[in-house]
Amino acid sequence: MNVTIDENAKVKINEIIKEKNLNYRSFRLNIITLSRITGPVFDLVFDEPNQFDQVYKVDDLDVIVDNGLGRRISEIEILYKEGETKSGFVVNTDFMKIK
């Protein structure tokens, strides 16, 4: 799997880790909702991996993906966008539906 994190996202993730005083540098990619129209909506949650996970290292950060989700994705791009009225993480994937 190809996992990339842009520089803005790396900076923001490191800020959150420092603010929350976390002793680990890993976060999980979760699906919040799955719509037929818009596709999946993802969330990033700071967590530690378990035996059902795949872990992908990007610099000094670990991206955790559940094995079930990992079978449906081959690329993950994590961005942080800042706007005048809204800022936040954006997750782009090539999520594939399993029939």
N, C-alpha and C. Protein backbone atom coordinates (compact mmCIF):
# COMPACT_ATOMS: atom_id res chain seq x y z
N MET A 1 0.84 -1.18 0.00
CA MET A 1 0.00 0.00 0.00
C MET A 1 0.88 1.24 0.00
N ASN A 2 0.46 2.22 -0.77
CA ASN A 2 1.17 3.49 -0.84
C ASN A 2 0.47 4.50 0.07
N VAL A 3 1.18 5.01 1.08
CA VAL A 3 0.62 5.97 2.02
C VAL A 3 1.47 7.22 2.01
N THR A 4 0.82 8.38 1.79
CA THR A 4 1.54 9.65 1.81
C THR A 4 0.83 10.62 2.77
N ILE A 5 1.62 11.48 3.40
CA ILE A 5 1.11 12.53 4.28
C ILE A 5 1.79 13.82 3.86
N ASP A 6 1.01 14.83 3.51
CA ASP A 6 1.63 16.09 3.09
C ASP A 6 2.23 16.82 4.29
N GLU A 7 3.08 17.79 4.01
CA GLU A 7 3.81 18.48 5.07
C GLU A 7 2.88 19.20 6.05
N ASN A 8 1.81 19.83 5.54
CA ASN A 8 0.86 20.51 6.43
C ASN A 8 0.24 19.53 7.41
N ALA A 9 -0.13 18.34 6.93
CA ALA A 9 -0.72 17.31 7.80
C ALA A 9 0.29 16.84 8.83
N LYS A 10 1.54 16.63 8.42
CA LYS A 10 2.58 16.20 9.37
C LYS A 10 2.74 17.22 10.49
N VAL A 11 2.78 18.50 10.13
CA VAL A 11 2.92 19.55 11.14
C VAL A 11 1.74 19.52 12.10
N LYS A 12 0.51 19.44 11.57
CA LYS A 12 -0.68 19.44 12.41
C LYS A 12 -0.73 18.21 13.31
N ILE A 13 -0.40 17.04 12.77
CA ILE A 13 -0.39 15.80 13.56
C ILE A 13 0.61 15.93 14.70
N ASN A 14 1.79 16.44 14.41
CA ASN A 14 2.81 16.61 15.45
C ASN A 14 2.38 17.62 16.51
N GLU A 15 1.65 18.68 16.11
CA GLU A 15 1.10 19.63 17.08
C GLU A 15 0.12 18.95 18.02
N ILE A 16 -0.76 18.12 17.45
CA ILE A 16 -1.76 17.42 18.27
C ILE A 16 -1.08 16.45 19.23
N ILE A 17 -0.08 15.73 18.74
CA ILE A 17 0.65 14.78 19.60
C ILE A 17 1.27 15.53 20.78
N LYS A 18 1.86 16.68 20.50
CA LYS A 18 2.50 17.47 21.56
C LYS A 18 1.45 18.03 22.53
N GLU A 19 0.34 18.58 21.99
CA GLU A 19 -0.72 19.14 22.84
C GLU A 19 -1.33 18.09 23.76
N LYS A 20 -1.55 16.90 23.24
CA LYS A 20 -2.19 15.84 24.01
C LYS A 20 -1.19 15.02 24.82
N ASN A 21 0.11 15.35 24.67
CA ASN A 21 1.17 14.66 25.39
C ASN A 21 1.10 13.14 25.19
N LEU A 22 0.92 12.73 23.94
CA LEU A 22 0.81 11.31 23.61
C LEU A 22 2.19 10.66 23.63
N ASN A 23 2.25 9.42 24.07
CA ASN A 23 3.53 8.71 24.10
C ASN A 23 3.68 7.77 22.91
N TYR A 24 2.78 7.88 21.94
CA TYR A 24 2.89 7.10 20.71
C TYR A 24 2.64 8.02 19.53
N ARG A 25 3.14 7.62 18.37
CA ARG A 25 3.06 8.45 17.17
C ARG A 25 2.30 7.72 16.08
N SER A 26 1.16 7.15 16.46
CA SER A 26 0.38 6.39 15.49
C SER A 26 -1.08 6.83 15.51
N PHE A 27 -1.71 6.74 14.36
CA PHE A 27 -3.13 7.07 14.26
C PHE A 27 -3.81 6.12 13.29
N ARG A 28 -5.08 5.91 13.53
CA ARG A 28 -5.89 4.93 12.80
C ARG A 28 -6.78 5.64 11.78
N LEU A 29 -6.86 5.02 10.61
CA LEU A 29 -7.79 5.46 9.57
C LEU A 29 -9.09 4.68 9.75
N ASN A 30 -10.18 5.37 10.05
CA ASN A 30 -11.49 4.75 10.25
C ASN A 30 -12.48 5.24 9.20
N ILE A 31 -13.42 4.39 8.83
CA ILE A 31 -14.55 4.83 8.01
C ILE A 31 -15.66 5.26 8.97
N ILE A 32 -16.13 6.50 8.80
CA ILE A 32 -17.24 7.00 9.62
C ILE A 32 -18.57 6.63 8.96
N THR A 33 -18.68 6.95 7.68
CA THR A 33 -19.89 6.61 6.93
C THR A 33 -19.50 6.12 5.55
N LEU A 34 -20.40 5.38 4.95
CA LEU A 34 -20.19 4.88 3.59
C LEU A 34 -21.46 5.13 2.81
N SER A 35 -21.39 6.06 1.88
CA SER A 35 -22.55 6.46 1.10
C SER A 35 -22.39 6.01 -0.34
N ARG A 36 -23.48 5.60 -0.94
CA ARG A 36 -23.44 5.22 -2.37
C ARG A 36 -23.15 6.42 -3.25
N ILE A 37 -23.53 7.59 -2.79
CA ILE A 37 -23.37 8.80 -3.61
C ILE A 37 -21.98 9.41 -3.44
N THR A 38 -21.55 9.61 -2.21
CA THR A 38 -20.28 10.31 -1.97
C THR A 38 -19.12 9.37 -1.67
N GLY A 39 -19.40 8.10 -1.43
CA GLY A 39 -18.33 7.17 -1.07
C GLY A 39 -18.03 7.25 0.41
N PRO A 40 -16.88 6.72 0.83
CA PRO A 40 -16.57 6.69 2.26
C PRO A 40 -16.13 8.05 2.80
N VAL A 41 -16.47 8.28 4.08
CA VAL A 41 -15.97 9.44 4.81
C VAL A 41 -15.07 8.88 5.91
N PHE A 42 -13.83 9.35 5.95
CA PHE A 42 -12.83 8.81 6.86
C PHE A 42 -12.58 9.74 8.04
N ASP A 43 -12.05 9.16 9.10
CA ASP A 43 -11.66 9.88 10.30
C ASP A 43 -10.27 9.38 10.69
N LEU A 44 -9.50 10.24 11.32
CA LEU A 44 -8.19 9.86 11.85
C LEU A 44 -8.26 9.92 13.36
N VAL A 45 -7.87 8.82 14.03
CA VAL A 45 -7.95 8.71 15.48
C VAL A 45 -6.60 8.26 16.02
N PHE A 46 -6.05 8.99 16.98
CA PHE A 46 -4.79 8.56 17.58
C PHE A 46 -5.03 7.28 18.36
N ASP A 47 -4.20 6.27 18.10
CA ASP A 47 -4.43 4.94 18.65
C ASP A 47 -3.13 4.15 18.56
N GLU A 48 -3.17 2.95 19.12
CA GLU A 48 -2.06 2.02 18.98
C GLU A 48 -2.55 0.79 18.23
N PRO A 49 -1.69 0.16 17.44
CA PRO A 49 -2.14 -0.99 16.63
C PRO A 49 -2.43 -2.23 17.46
N ASN A 50 -3.26 -3.10 16.89
CA ASN A 50 -3.52 -4.42 17.48
C ASN A 50 -3.22 -5.49 16.44
N GLN A 51 -3.50 -6.75 16.75
CA GLN A 51 -3.12 -7.86 15.88
C GLN A 51 -3.94 -7.88 14.58
N PHE A 52 -5.01 -7.10 14.48
CA PHE A 52 -5.84 -7.09 13.28
C PHE A 52 -5.51 -5.93 12.35
N ASP A 53 -4.39 -5.28 12.59
CA ASP A 53 -4.03 -4.07 11.84
C ASP A 53 -2.81 -4.26 10.95
N GLN A 54 -2.76 -3.41 9.94
CA GLN A 54 -1.56 -3.21 9.14
C GLN A 54 -1.04 -1.83 9.53
N VAL A 55 0.27 -1.70 9.63
CA VAL A 55 0.87 -0.41 10.03
C VAL A 55 1.81 0.03 8.91
N TYR A 56 1.64 1.28 8.49
CA TYR A 56 2.46 1.86 7.43
C TYR A 56 3.22 3.05 7.99
N LYS A 57 4.53 3.01 7.88
CA LYS A 57 5.39 4.06 8.44
C LYS A 57 5.59 5.15 7.39
N VAL A 58 5.33 6.38 7.81
CA VAL A 58 5.59 7.55 6.97
C VAL A 58 6.43 8.50 7.82
N ASP A 59 7.70 8.57 7.50
CA ASP A 59 8.67 9.30 8.32
C ASP A 59 8.60 8.76 9.75
N ASP A 60 8.27 9.61 10.73
CA ASP A 60 8.24 9.13 12.12
C ASP A 60 6.81 8.86 12.61
N LEU A 61 5.85 8.77 11.67
CA LEU A 61 4.45 8.51 12.01
C LEU A 61 4.03 7.14 11.52
N ASP A 62 3.14 6.49 12.26
CA ASP A 62 2.58 5.19 11.86
C ASP A 62 1.11 5.37 11.54
N VAL A 63 0.72 4.96 10.35
CA VAL A 63 -0.68 4.99 9.93
C VAL A 63 -1.23 3.58 10.09
N ILE A 64 -2.26 3.44 10.91
CA ILE A 64 -2.85 2.13 11.21
C ILE A 64 -4.09 1.94 10.33
N VAL A 65 -4.14 0.77 9.68
CA VAL A 65 -5.30 0.42 8.85
C VAL A 65 -5.73 -0.98 9.23
N ASP A 66 -7.00 -1.13 9.58
CA ASP A 66 -7.56 -2.44 9.88
C ASP A 66 -7.42 -3.34 8.66
N ASN A 67 -7.11 -4.62 8.87
CA ASN A 67 -6.92 -5.55 7.76
C ASN A 67 -8.10 -5.57 6.79
N GLY A 68 -9.33 -5.51 7.33
CA GLY A 68 -10.51 -5.52 6.46
C GLY A 68 -10.55 -4.31 5.55
N LEU A 69 -10.28 -3.14 6.08
CA LEU A 69 -10.23 -1.93 5.27
C LEU A 69 -9.03 -1.97 4.33
N GLY A 70 -7.92 -2.51 4.81
CA GLY A 70 -6.71 -2.59 4.00
C GLY A 70 -6.88 -3.40 2.72
N ARG A 71 -7.79 -4.36 2.74
CA ARG A 71 -8.06 -5.15 1.53
C ARG A 71 -8.81 -4.36 0.48
N ARG A 72 -9.36 -3.21 0.87
CA ARG A 72 -10.17 -2.40 -0.05
C ARG A 72 -9.46 -1.14 -0.53
N ILE A 73 -8.25 -0.92 -0.05
CA ILE A 73 -7.52 0.31 -0.38
C ILE A 73 -6.08 -0.05 -0.77
N SER A 74 -5.57 0.60 -1.81
CA SER A 74 -4.16 0.41 -2.14
C SER A 74 -3.38 1.73 -2.07
N GLU A 75 -4.12 2.85 -1.96
CA GLU A 75 -3.46 4.16 -1.83
C GLU A 75 -4.19 5.03 -0.82
N ILE A 76 -3.42 5.71 0.02
CA ILE A 76 -3.96 6.66 1.00
C ILE A 76 -3.14 7.94 0.91
N GLU A 77 -3.83 9.06 0.81
CA GLU A 77 -3.19 10.37 0.82
C GLU A 77 -3.85 11.18 1.93
N ILE A 78 -3.06 11.66 2.88
CA ILE A 78 -3.59 12.45 4.00
C ILE A 78 -3.07 13.88 3.85
N LEU A 79 -4.00 14.82 3.82
CA LEU A 79 -3.68 16.24 3.64
C LEU A 79 -4.26 17.03 4.80
N TYR A 80 -3.74 18.22 5.03
CA TYR A 80 -4.37 19.15 5.96
C TYR A 80 -4.59 20.44 5.19
N LYS A 81 -5.86 20.85 5.10
CA LYS A 81 -6.24 22.05 4.36
C LYS A 81 -6.70 23.12 5.33
N GLU A 82 -6.23 24.35 5.10
CA GLU A 82 -6.66 25.48 5.92
C GLU A 82 -7.44 26.44 5.03
N GLY A 83 -8.61 26.82 5.52
CA GLY A 83 -9.45 27.75 4.80
C GLY A 83 -9.87 28.89 5.70
N GLU A 84 -10.59 29.84 5.14
CA GLU A 84 -11.03 31.00 5.92
C GLU A 84 -12.09 30.60 6.94
N THR A 85 -12.97 29.67 6.57
CA THR A 85 -14.06 29.29 7.48
C THR A 85 -13.94 27.87 8.00
N LYS A 86 -13.09 27.07 7.40
CA LYS A 86 -13.01 25.66 7.81
C LYS A 86 -11.62 25.12 7.53
N SER A 87 -11.08 24.38 8.48
CA SER A 87 -9.78 23.72 8.31
C SER A 87 -9.91 22.29 8.79
N GLY A 88 -9.10 21.40 8.22
CA GLY A 88 -9.13 20.03 8.70
C GLY A 88 -8.39 19.07 7.79
N PHE A 89 -8.36 17.83 8.23
CA PHE A 89 -7.70 16.78 7.48
C PHE A 89 -8.59 16.32 6.33
N VAL A 90 -7.95 15.98 5.23
CA VAL A 90 -8.63 15.40 4.06
C VAL A 90 -7.94 14.08 3.78
N VAL A 91 -8.74 13.03 3.63
CA VAL A 91 -8.19 11.71 3.32
C VAL A 91 -8.70 11.29 1.95
N ASN A 92 -7.77 11.08 1.02
CA ASN A 92 -8.11 10.57 -0.30
C ASN A 92 -7.63 9.12 -0.39
N THR A 93 -8.49 8.27 -0.93
CA THR A 93 -8.12 6.86 -1.13
C THR A 93 -8.68 6.37 -2.45
N ASP A 94 -8.27 5.18 -2.80
CA ASP A 94 -8.85 4.50 -3.97
C ASP A 94 -9.77 3.37 -3.46
N PHE A 95 -10.60 3.68 -2.48
CA PHE A 95 -11.49 2.71 -1.83
C PHE A 95 -12.27 1.93 -2.88
N MET A 96 -12.24 0.60 -2.73
CA MET A 96 -12.93 -0.27 -3.68
C MET A 96 -14.04 -1.03 -2.94
N LYS A 97 -15.21 -1.05 -3.53
CA LYS A 97 -16.31 -1.83 -2.97
C LYS A 97 -16.06 -3.31 -3.25
N ILE A 98 -16.32 -4.14 -2.26
CA ILE A 98 -16.21 -5.59 -2.44
C ILE A 98 -17.61 -6.13 -2.65
N LYS A 99 -17.78 -6.84 -3.74
CA LYS A 99 -19.12 -7.38 -4.05
C LYS A 99 -19.27 -8.78 -3.54
